[in-house]
Amino acid sequence: AGGSLRLSCAASGSIGSINAMGWYRQAPGKQRELVAAISNGG
């Protein structure tokens, strides 16, 4: 507790163009929830 982590997610393949990207999380017994999202413009 109190520490830090940095998550990365790289897309590859026939990706075309990327619009919005986001991070979700799911804990045991809970629904998946949106943590953060970012548009192509930032």
PDB file of all heavy atoms in Angstrom:
ATOM      1  N   ALA A   1       0.834  -1.193   0.000  1.00  0.00           N
ATOM      2  CA  ALA A   1       0.000   0.000   0.000  1.00  0.00           C
ATOM      3  C   ALA A   1       0.874   1.250   0.000  1.00  0.00           C
ATOM      4  O   ALA A   1       1.867   1.331   0.725  1.00  0.00           O
ATOM      5  CB  ALA A   1      -0.933   0.002   1.200  1.00  0.00           C
ATOM      6  N   GLY A   2       0.481   2.213  -0.820  1.00  0.00           N
ATOM      7  CA  GLY A   2       1.254   3.428  -0.969  1.00  0.00           C
ATOM      8  C   GLY A   2       2.264   3.386  -2.091  1.00  0.00           C
ATOM      9  O   GLY A   2       2.830   4.432  -2.450  1.00  0.00           O
ATOM     10  N   GLY A   3       2.482   2.219  -2.668  1.00  0.00           N
ATOM     11  CA  GLY A   3       3.436   2.065  -3.745  1.00  0.00           C
ATOM     12  C   GLY A   3       2.858   2.437  -5.092  1.00  0.00           C
ATOM     13  O   GLY A   3       1.718   2.890  -5.207  1.00  0.00           O
ATOM     14  N   SER A   4       3.658   2.206  -6.135  1.00  0.00           N
ATOM     15  CA  SER A   4       3.281   2.589  -7.490  1.00  0.00           C
ATOM     16  C   SER A   4       3.545   1.463  -8.470  1.00  0.00           C
ATOM     17  O   SER A   4       4.444   0.633  -8.275  1.00  0.00           O
ATOM     18  CB  SER A   4       4.069   3.822  -7.946  1.00  0.00           C
ATOM     19  OG  SER A   4       3.797   4.947  -7.133  1.00  0.00           O
ATOM     20  N   LEU A   5       2.755   1.443  -9.535  1.00  0.00           N
ATOM     21  CA  LEU A   5       2.948   0.553 -10.665  1.00  0.00           C
ATOM     22  C   LEU A   5       2.620   1.307 -11.941  1.00  0.00           C
ATOM     23  O   LEU A   5       1.806   2.236 -11.928  1.00  0.00           O
ATOM     24  CB  LEU A   5       2.061  -0.687 -10.583  1.00  0.00           C
ATOM     25  CG  LEU A   5       2.441  -1.794  -9.601  1.00  0.00           C
ATOM     26  CD1 LEU A   5       1.345  -2.856  -9.573  1.00  0.00           C
ATOM     27  CD2 LEU A   5       3.773  -2.427  -9.972  1.00  0.00           C
ATOM     28  N   ARG A   6       3.236   0.885 -13.026  1.00  0.00           N
ATOM     29  CA  ARG A   6       2.968   1.458 -14.339  1.00  0.00           C
ATOM     30  C   ARG A   6       2.589   0.337 -15.297  1.00  0.00           C
ATOM     31  O   ARG A   6       3.403  -0.547 -15.572  1.00  0.00           O
ATOM     32  CB  ARG A   6       4.188   2.212 -14.863  1.00  0.00           C
ATOM     33  CG  ARG A   6       4.040   2.806 -16.266  1.00  0.00           C
ATOM     34  CD  ARG A   6       5.312   3.543 -16.633  1.00  0.00           C
ATOM     35  NE  ARG A   6       5.463   3.826 -18.047  1.00  0.00           N
ATOM     36  CZ  ARG A   6       5.070   4.943 -18.651  1.00  0.00           C
ATOM     37  NH1 ARG A   6       4.471   5.891 -17.957  1.00  0.00           N
ATOM     38  NH2 ARG A   6       5.277   5.106 -19.953  1.00  0.00           N
ATOM     39  N   LEU A   7       1.362   0.372 -15.787  1.00  0.00           N
ATOM     40  CA  LEU A   7       0.872  -0.622 -16.729  1.00  0.00           C
ATOM     41  C   LEU A   7       1.037  -0.117 -18.152  1.00  0.00           C
ATOM     42  O   LEU A   7       0.867   1.075 -18.427  1.00  0.00           O
ATOM     43  CB  LEU A   7      -0.598  -0.943 -16.482  1.00  0.00           C
ATOM     44  CG  LEU A   7      -0.990  -1.381 -15.067  1.00  0.00           C
ATOM     45  CD1 LEU A   7      -2.477  -1.715 -15.021  1.00  0.00           C
ATOM     46  CD2 LEU A   7      -0.155  -2.566 -14.610  1.00  0.00           C
ATOM     47  N   SER A   8       1.354  -1.036 -19.067  1.00  0.00           N
ATOM     48  CA  SER A   8       1.484  -0.721 -20.473  1.00  0.00           C
ATOM     49  C   SER A   8       0.646  -1.682 -21.291  1.00  0.00           C
ATOM     50  O   SER A   8       0.478  -2.843 -20.921  1.00  0.00           O
ATOM     51  CB  SER A   8       2.944  -0.812 -20.934  1.00  0.00           C
ATOM     52  OG  SER A   8       3.776   0.081 -20.224  1.00  0.00           O
ATOM     53  N   CYS A   9       0.141  -1.209 -22.415  1.00  0.00           N
ATOM     54  CA  CYS A   9      -0.618  -2.048 -23.330  1.00  0.00           C
ATOM     55  C   CYS A   9      -0.301  -1.603 -24.747  1.00  0.00           C
ATOM     56  O   CYS A   9      -0.612  -0.472 -25.128  1.00  0.00           O
ATOM     57  CB  CYS A   9      -2.119  -1.940 -23.056  1.00  0.00           C
ATOM     58  SG  CYS A   9      -3.152  -2.885 -24.198  1.00  0.00           S
ATOM     59  N   ALA A  10       0.310  -2.490 -25.520  1.00  0.00           N
ATOM     60  CA  ALA A  10       0.719  -2.189 -26.884  1.00  0.00           C
ATOM     61  C   ALA A  10      -0.129  -2.975 -27.874  1.00  0.00           C
ATOM     62  O   ALA A  10      -0.311  -4.183 -27.724  1.00  0.00           O
ATOM     63  CB  ALA A  10       2.197  -2.519 -27.080  1.00  0.00           C
ATOM     64  N   ALA A  11      -0.622  -2.292 -28.884  1.00  0.00           N
ATOM     65  CA  ALA A  11      -1.413  -2.913 -29.933  1.00  0.00           C
ATOM     66  C   ALA A  11      -0.535  -3.224 -31.137  1.00  0.00           C
ATOM     67  O   ALA A  11       0.328  -2.425 -31.516  1.00  0.00           O
ATOM     68  CB  ALA A  11      -2.563  -2.002 -30.354  1.00  0.00           C
ATOM     69  N   SER A  12      -0.761  -4.378 -31.744  1.00  0.00           N
ATOM     70  CA  SER A  12      -0.013  -4.769 -32.926  1.00  0.00           C
ATOM     71  C   SER A  12      -0.921  -5.540 -33.873  1.00  0.00           C
ATOM     72  O   SER A  12      -1.997  -5.991 -33.492  1.00  0.00           O
ATOM     73  CB  SER A  12       1.207  -5.615 -32.557  1.00  0.00           C
ATOM     74  OG  SER A  12       0.816  -6.823 -31.920  1.00  0.00           O
ATOM     75  N   GLY A  13      -0.459  -5.712 -35.114  1.00  0.00           N
ATOM     76  CA  GLY A  13      -1.232  -6.405 -36.120  1.00  0.00           C
ATOM     77  C   GLY A  13      -1.934  -5.434 -37.048  1.00  0.00           C
ATOM     78  O   GLY A  13      -1.495  -4.299 -37.232  1.00  0.00           O
ATOM     79  N   SER A  14      -3.034  -5.885 -37.624  1.00  0.00           N
ATOM     80  CA  SER A  14      -3.812  -5.070 -38.551  1.00  0.00           C
ATOM     81  C   SER A  14      -4.747  -4.163 -37.777  1.00  0.00           C
ATOM     82  O   SER A  14      -5.970  -4.363 -37.745  1.00  0.00           O
ATOM     83  CB  SER A  14      -4.582  -5.974 -39.514  1.00  0.00           C
ATOM     84  OG  SER A  14      -3.712  -6.801 -40.255  1.00  0.00           O
ATOM     85  N   ILE A  15      -4.175  -3.151 -37.154  1.00  0.00           N
ATOM     86  CA  ILE A  15      -4.937  -2.340 -36.204  1.00  0.00           C
ATOM     87  C   ILE A  15      -5.691  -1.192 -36.864  1.00  0.00           C
ATOM     88  O   ILE A  15      -6.547  -0.578 -36.216  1.00  0.00           O
ATOM     89  CB  ILE A  15      -4.025  -1.786 -35.095  1.00  0.00           C
ATOM     90  CG1 ILE A  15      -2.910  -0.926 -35.688  1.00  0.00           C
ATOM     91  CG2 ILE A  15      -3.440  -2.922 -34.271  1.00  0.00           C
ATOM     92  CD1 ILE A  15      -2.038  -0.269 -34.628  1.00  0.00           C
ATOM     93  N   GLY A  16      -5.411  -0.886 -38.109  1.00  0.00           N
ATOM     94  CA  GLY A  16      -6.054   0.259 -38.732  1.00  0.00           C
ATOM     95  C   GLY A  16      -5.699   1.527 -37.987  1.00  0.00           C
ATOM     96  O   GLY A  16      -4.531   1.828 -37.784  1.00  0.00           O
ATOM     97  N   SER A  17      -6.698   2.267 -37.551  1.00  0.00           N
ATOM     98  CA  SER A  17      -6.490   3.441 -36.726  1.00  0.00           C
ATOM     99  C   SER A  17      -7.128   3.224 -35.367  1.00  0.00           C
ATOM    100  O   SER A  17      -8.159   2.565 -35.246  1.00  0.00           O
ATOM    101  CB  SER A  17      -7.056   4.699 -37.388  1.00  0.00           C
ATOM    102  OG  SER A  17      -8.458   4.601 -37.554  1.00  0.00           O
ATOM    103  N   ILE A  18      -6.512   3.779 -34.332  1.00  0.00           N
ATOM    104  CA  ILE A  18      -6.984   3.612 -32.965  1.00  0.00           C
ATOM    105  C   ILE A  18      -7.737   4.859 -32.531  1.00  0.00           C
ATOM    106  O   ILE A  18      -7.216   5.973 -32.630  1.00  0.00           O
ATOM    107  CB  ILE A  18      -5.821   3.345 -31.999  1.00  0.00           C
ATOM    108  CG1 ILE A  18      -5.011   2.133 -32.455  1.00  0.00           C
ATOM    109  CG2 ILE A  18      -6.348   3.136 -30.586  1.00  0.00           C
ATOM    110  CD1 ILE A  18      -3.808   1.841 -31.584  1.00  0.00           C
ATOM    111  N   ASN A  19      -8.939   4.658 -32.065  1.00  0.00           N
ATOM    112  CA  ASN A  19      -9.715   5.760 -31.513  1.00  0.00           C
ATOM    113  C   ASN A  19      -9.466   5.818 -30.000  1.00  0.00           C
ATOM    114  O   ASN A  19      -8.344   6.023 -29.571  1.00  0.00           O
ATOM    115  CB  ASN A  19     -11.184   5.594 -31.857  1.00  0.00           C
ATOM    116  CG  ASN A  19     -11.422   5.646 -33.358  1.00  0.00           C
ATOM    117  OD1 ASN A  19     -10.876   6.490 -34.063  1.00  0.00           O
ATOM    118  ND2 ASN A  19     -12.252   4.735 -33.866  1.00  0.00           N
ATOM    119  N   ALA A  20     -10.494   5.623 -29.198  1.00  0.00           N
ATOM    120  CA  ALA A  20     -10.312   5.675 -27.756  1.00  0.00           C
ATOM    121  C   ALA A  20      -9.634   4.414 -27.234  1.00  0.00           C
ATOM    122  O   ALA A  20      -9.764   3.323 -27.801  1.00  0.00           O
ATOM    123  CB  ALA A  20     -11.655   5.871 -27.062  1.00  0.00           C
ATOM    124  N   MET A  21      -8.910   4.548 -26.134  1.00  0.00           N
ATOM    125  CA  MET A  21      -8.329   3.430 -25.415  1.00  0.00           C
ATOM    126  C   MET A  21      -8.671   3.602 -23.943  1.00  0.00           C
ATOM    127  O   MET A  21      -8.899   4.723 -23.475  1.00  0.00           O
ATOM    128  CB  MET A  21      -6.817   3.356 -25.598  1.00  0.00           C
ATOM    129  CG  MET A  21      -6.372   3.279 -27.048  1.00  0.00           C
ATOM    130  SD  MET A  21      -4.583   3.051 -27.244  1.00  0.00           S
ATOM    131  CE  MET A  21      -4.433   1.298 -26.866  1.00  0.00           C
ATOM    132  N   GLY A  22      -8.712   2.495 -23.223  1.00  0.00           N
ATOM    133  CA  GLY A  22      -9.063   2.592 -21.819  1.00  0.00           C
ATOM    134  C   GLY A  22      -8.560   1.425 -21.005  1.00  0.00           C
ATOM    135  O   GLY A  22      -8.096   0.411 -21.542  1.00  0.00           O
ATOM    136  N   TRP A  23      -8.638   1.598 -19.686  1.00  0.00           N
ATOM    137  CA  TRP A  23      -8.300   0.566 -18.728  1.00  0.00           C
ATOM    138  C   TRP A  23      -9.522   0.240 -17.887  1.00  0.00           C
ATOM    139  O   TRP A  23     -10.216   1.137 -17.406  1.00  0.00           O
ATOM    140  CB  TRP A  23      -7.161   1.010 -17.807  1.00  0.00           C
ATOM    141  CG  TRP A  23      -5.831   1.088 -18.489  1.00  0.00           C
ATOM    142  CD1 TRP A  23      -5.256   2.176 -19.065  1.00  0.00           C
ATOM    143  CD2 TRP A  23      -4.909   0.009 -18.668  1.00  0.00           C
ATOM    144  NE1 TRP A  23      -4.029   1.857 -19.586  1.00  0.00           N
ATOM    145  CE2 TRP A  23      -3.792   0.532 -19.355  1.00  0.00           C
ATOM    146  CE3 TRP A  23      -4.913  -1.335 -18.310  1.00  0.00           C
ATOM    147  CZ2 TRP A  23      -2.688  -0.265 -19.690  1.00  0.00           C
ATOM    148  CZ3 TRP A  23      -3.824  -2.120 -18.653  1.00  0.00           C
ATOM    149  CH2 TRP A  23      -2.728  -1.573 -19.330  1.00  0.00           C
ATOM    150  N   TYR A  24      -9.771  -1.050 -17.711  1.00  0.00           N
ATOM    151  CA  TYR A  24     -10.830  -1.560 -16.860  1.00  0.00           C
ATOM    152  C   TYR A  24     -10.222  -2.479 -15.818  1.00  0.00           C
ATOM    153  O   TYR A  24      -9.099  -2.958 -15.975  1.00  0.00           O
ATOM    154  CB  TYR A  24     -11.866  -2.337 -17.682  1.00  0.00           C
ATOM    155  CG  TYR A  24     -12.663  -1.495 -18.658  1.00  0.00           C
ATOM    156  CD1 TYR A  24     -12.077  -0.986 -19.812  1.00  0.00           C
ATOM    157  CD2 TYR A  24     -14.008  -1.226 -18.434  1.00  0.00           C
ATOM    158  CE1 TYR A  24     -12.814  -0.220 -20.708  1.00  0.00           C
ATOM    159  CE2 TYR A  24     -14.748  -0.475 -19.330  1.00  0.00           C
ATOM    160  CZ  TYR A  24     -14.144   0.028 -20.462  1.00  0.00           C
ATOM    161  OH  TYR A  24     -14.885   0.783 -21.347  1.00  0.00           O
ATOM    162  N   ARG A  25     -10.970  -2.734 -14.750  1.00  0.00           N
ATOM    163  CA  ARG A  25     -10.498  -3.686 -13.756  1.00  0.00           C
ATOM    164  C   ARG A  25     -11.665  -4.491 -13.212  1.00  0.00           C
ATOM    165  O   ARG A  25     -12.813  -4.045 -13.221  1.00  0.00           O
ATOM    166  CB  ARG A  25      -9.757  -2.986 -12.616  1.00  0.00           C
ATOM    167  CG  ARG A  25     -10.626  -2.102 -11.728  1.00  0.00           C
ATOM    168  CD  ARG A  25      -9.759  -1.360 -10.731  1.00  0.00           C
ATOM    169  NE  ARG A  25     -10.538  -0.521  -9.831  1.00  0.00           N
ATOM    170  CZ  ARG A  25     -10.013   0.339  -8.966  1.00  0.00           C
ATOM    171  NH1 ARG A  25      -8.689   0.469  -8.877  1.00  0.00           N
ATOM    172  NH2 ARG A  25     -10.810   1.062  -8.176  1.00  0.00           N
ATOM    173  N   GLN A  26     -11.353  -5.687 -12.740  1.00  0.00           N
ATOM    174  CA  GLN A  26     -12.360  -6.563 -12.181  1.00  0.00           C
ATOM    175  C   GLN A  26     -11.767  -7.326 -11.000  1.00  0.00           C
ATOM    176  O   GLN A  26     -10.764  -8.023 -11.143  1.00  0.00           O
ATOM    177  CB  GLN A  26     -12.889  -7.545 -13.224  1.00  0.00           C
ATOM    178  CG  GLN A  26     -14.057  -8.383 -12.748  1.00  0.00           C
ATOM    179  CD  GLN A  26     -14.733  -9.124 -13.883  1.00  0.00           C
ATOM    180  OE1 GLN A  26     -14.135  -9.372 -14.927  1.00  0.00           O
ATOM    181  NE2 GLN A  26     -15.993  -9.469 -13.687  1.00  0.00           N
ATOM    182  N   ALA A  27     -12.387  -7.169  -9.852  1.00  0.00           N
ATOM    183  CA  ALA A  27     -12.014  -7.897  -8.652  1.00  0.00           C
ATOM    184  C   ALA A  27     -12.945  -9.082  -8.470  1.00  0.00           C
ATOM    185  O   ALA A  27     -14.079  -9.075  -8.973  1.00  0.00           O
ATOM    186  CB  ALA A  27     -12.071  -6.976  -7.434  1.00  0.00           C
ATOM    187  N   PRO A  28     -12.511 -10.124  -7.746  1.00  0.00           N
ATOM    188  CA  PRO A  28     -13.373 -11.284  -7.529  1.00  0.00           C
ATOM    189  C   PRO A  28     -14.710 -10.899  -6.915  1.00  0.00           C
ATOM    190  O   PRO A  28     -14.765 -10.146  -5.938  1.00  0.00           O
ATOM    191  CB  PRO A  28     -12.557 -12.160  -6.574  1.00  0.00           C
ATOM    192  CG  PRO A  28     -11.141 -11.782  -6.849  1.00  0.00           C
ATOM    193  CD  PRO A  28     -11.181 -10.306  -7.142  1.00  0.00           C
ATOM    194  N   GLY A  29     -15.793 -11.401  -7.504  1.00  0.00           N
ATOM    195  CA  GLY A  29     -17.121 -11.131  -6.997  1.00  0.00           C
ATOM    196  C   GLY A  29     -17.677  -9.775  -7.364  1.00  0.00           C
ATOM    197  O   GLY A  29     -18.777  -9.427  -6.915  1.00  0.00           O
ATOM    198  N   LYS A  30     -16.956  -9.002  -8.161  1.00  0.00           N
ATOM    199  CA  LYS A  30     -17.409  -7.678  -8.544  1.00  0.00           C
ATOM    200  C   LYS A  30     -17.492  -7.557 -10.061  1.00  0.00           C
ATOM    201  O   LYS A  30     -16.879  -8.325 -10.803  1.00  0.00           O
ATOM    202  CB  LYS A  30     -16.468  -6.602  -7.999  1.00  0.00           C
ATOM    203  CG  LYS A  30     -16.400  -6.540  -6.478  1.00  0.00           C
ATOM    204  CD  LYS A  30     -15.507  -5.404  -6.015  1.00  0.00           C
ATOM    205  CE  LYS A  30     -15.462  -5.311  -4.508  1.00  0.00           C
ATOM    206  NZ  LYS A  30     -14.583  -4.200  -4.053  1.00  0.00           N
ATOM    207  N   GLN A  31     -18.262  -6.573 -10.514  1.00  0.00           N
ATOM    208  CA  GLN A  31     -18.382  -6.315 -11.939  1.00  0.00           C
ATOM    209  C   GLN A  31     -17.145  -5.599 -12.462  1.00  0.00           C
ATOM    210  O   GLN A  31     -16.468  -4.881 -11.726  1.00  0.00           O
ATOM    211  CB  GLN A  31     -19.627  -5.472 -12.226  1.00  0.00           C
ATOM    212  CG  GLN A  31     -20.946  -6.169 -11.950  1.00  0.00           C
ATOM    213  CD  GLN A  31     -22.135  -5.313 -12.341  1.00  0.00           C
ATOM    214  OE1 GLN A  31     -22.079  -4.086 -12.277  1.00  0.00           O
ATOM    215  NE2 GLN A  31     -23.211  -5.953 -12.760  1.00  0.00           N
ATOM    216  N   ARG A  32     -16.879  -5.800 -13.743  1.00  0.00           N
ATOM    217  CA  ARG A  32     -15.803  -5.067 -14.375  1.00  0.00           C
ATOM    218  C   ARG A  32     -16.181  -3.590 -14.462  1.00  0.00           C
ATOM    219  O   ARG A  32     -17.310  -3.245 -14.834  1.00  0.00           O
ATOM    220  CB  ARG A  32     -15.520  -5.631 -15.767  1.00  0.00           C
ATOM    221  CG  ARG A  32     -14.319  -5.013 -16.451  1.00  0.00           C
ATOM    222  CD  ARG A  32     -13.996  -5.719 -17.765  1.00  0.00           C
ATOM    223  NE  ARG A  32     -13.675  -7.118 -17.569  1.00  0.00           N
ATOM    224  CZ  ARG A  32     -13.250  -7.932 -18.527  1.00  0.00           C
ATOM    225  NH1 ARG A  32     -13.083  -7.471 -19.756  1.00  0.00           N
ATOM    226  NH2 ARG A  32     -12.997  -9.198 -18.253  1.00  0.00           N
ATOM    227  N   GLU A  33     -15.254  -2.721 -14.115  1.00  0.00           N
ATOM    228  CA  GLU A  33     -15.528  -1.303 -14.095  1.00  0.00           C
ATOM    229  C   GLU A  33     -14.476  -0.529 -14.873  1.00  0.00           C
ATOM    230  O   GLU A  33     -13.317  -0.935 -14.957  1.00  0.00           O
ATOM    231  CB  GLU A  33     -15.577  -0.776 -12.646  1.00  0.00           C
ATOM    232  CG  GLU A  33     -14.255  -0.879 -11.907  1.00  0.00           C
ATOM    233  CD  GLU A  33     -14.291  -0.233 -10.533  1.00  0.00           C
ATOM    234  OE1 GLU A  33     -15.262   0.477 -10.230  1.00  0.00           O
ATOM    235  OE2 GLU A  33     -13.335  -0.449  -9.749  1.00  0.00           O
ATOM    236  N   LEU A  34     -14.902   0.589 -15.424  1.00  0.00           N
ATOM    237  CA  LEU A  34     -13.987   1.479 -16.119  1.00  0.00           C
ATOM    238  C   LEU A  34     -13.119   2.207 -15.107  1.00  0.00           C
ATOM    239  O   LEU A  34     -13.625   2.803 -14.152  1.00  0.00           O
ATOM    240  CB  LEU A  34     -14.763   2.482 -16.965  1.00  0.00           C
ATOM    241  CG  LEU A  34     -13.935   3.564 -17.660  1.00  0.00           C
ATOM    242  CD1 LEU A  34     -13.045   2.951 -18.732  1.00  0.00           C
ATOM    243  CD2 LEU A  34     -14.838   4.631 -18.262  1.00  0.00           C
ATOM    244  N   VAL A  35     -11.816   2.178 -15.324  1.00  0.00           N
ATOM    245  CA  VAL A  35     -10.870   2.895 -14.479  1.00  0.00           C
ATOM    246  C   VAL A  35     -10.511   4.232 -15.101  1.00  0.00           C
ATOM    247  O   VAL A  35     -10.567   5.274 -14.441  1.00  0.00           O
ATOM    248  CB  VAL A  35      -9.599   2.061 -14.242  1.00  0.00           C
ATOM    249  CG1 VAL A  35      -8.590   2.843 -13.399  1.00  0.00           C
ATOM    250  CG2 VAL A  35      -9.947   0.740 -13.576  1.00  0.00           C
ATOM    251  N   ALA A  36     -10.122   4.214 -16.362  1.00  0.00           N
ATOM    252  CA  ALA A  36      -9.722   5.425 -17.063  1.00  0.00           C
ATOM    253  C   ALA A  36      -9.842   5.201 -18.559  1.00  0.00           C
ATOM    254  O   ALA A  36      -9.689   4.079 -19.042  1.00  0.00           O
ATOM    255  CB  ALA A  36      -8.289   5.833 -16.700  1.00  0.00           C
ATOM    256  N   ALA A  37     -10.108   6.266 -19.287  1.00  0.00           N
ATOM    257  CA  ALA A  37     -10.187   6.211 -20.738  1.00  0.00           C
ATOM    258  C   ALA A  37      -9.548   7.459 -21.313  1.00  0.00           C
ATOM    259  O   ALA A  37      -9.523   8.518 -20.671  1.00  0.00           O
ATOM    260  CB  ALA A  37     -11.639   6.093 -21.206  1.00  0.00           C
ATOM    261  N   ILE A  38      -9.042   7.333 -22.534  1.00  0.00           N
ATOM    262  CA  ILE A  38      -8.379   8.456 -23.179  1.00  0.00           C
ATOM    263  C   ILE A  38      -8.715   8.461 -24.662  1.00  0.00           C
ATOM    264  O   ILE A  38      -8.699   7.423 -25.323  1.00  0.00           O
ATOM    265  CB  ILE A  38      -6.851   8.411 -22.942  1.00  0.00           C
ATOM    266  CG1 ILE A  38      -6.174   9.666 -23.489  1.00  0.00           C
ATOM    267  CG2 ILE A  38      -6.247   7.138 -23.520  1.00  0.00           C
ATOM    268  CD1 ILE A  38      -4.721   9.804 -23.037  1.00  0.00           C
ATOM    269  N   SER A  39      -9.041   9.621 -25.188  1.00  0.00           N
ATOM    270  CA  SER A  39      -9.367   9.761 -26.592  1.00  0.00           C
ATOM    271  C   SER A  39      -8.098   9.836 -27.425  1.00  0.00           C
ATOM    272  O   SER A  39      -6.983   9.967 -26.907  1.00  0.00           O
ATOM    273  CB  SER A  39     -10.219  11.014 -26.817  1.00  0.00           C
ATOM    274  OG  SER A  39      -9.437  12.181 -26.629  1.00  0.00           O
ATOM    275  N   ASN A  40      -8.270   9.764 -28.737  1.00  0.00           N
ATOM    276  CA  ASN A  40      -7.119   9.878 -29.625  1.00  0.00           C
ATOM    277  C   ASN A  40      -6.423  11.226 -29.469  1.00  0.00           C
ATOM    278  O   ASN A  40      -5.213  11.325 -29.673  1.00  0.00           O
ATOM    279  CB  ASN A  40      -7.552   9.669 -31.077  1.00  0.00           C
ATOM    280  CG  ASN A  40      -6.366   9.525 -32.020  1.00  0.00           C
ATOM    281  OD1 ASN A  40      -5.414   8.800 -31.741  1.00  0.00           O
ATOM    282  ND2 ASN A  40      -6.422  10.214 -33.146  1.00  0.00           N
ATOM    283  N   GLY A  41      -7.181  12.251 -29.105  1.00  0.00           N
ATOM    284  CA  GLY A  41      -6.615  13.567 -28.910  1.00  0.00           C
ATOM    285  C   GLY A  41      -6.039  13.809 -27.529  1.00  0.00           C
ATOM    286  O   GLY A  41      -5.508  14.895 -27.271  1.00  0.00           O
ATOM    287  N   GLY A  42      -6.152  12.826 -26.629  1.00  0.00           N
ATOM    288  CA  GLY A  42      -5.535  12.933 -25.320  1.00  0.00           C
ATOM    289  C   GLY A  42      -6.453  13.353 -24.187  1.00  0.00           C
ATOM    290  O   GLY A  42      -5.979  13.555 -23.063  1.00  0.00           O
TER     291      GLY A  42
END
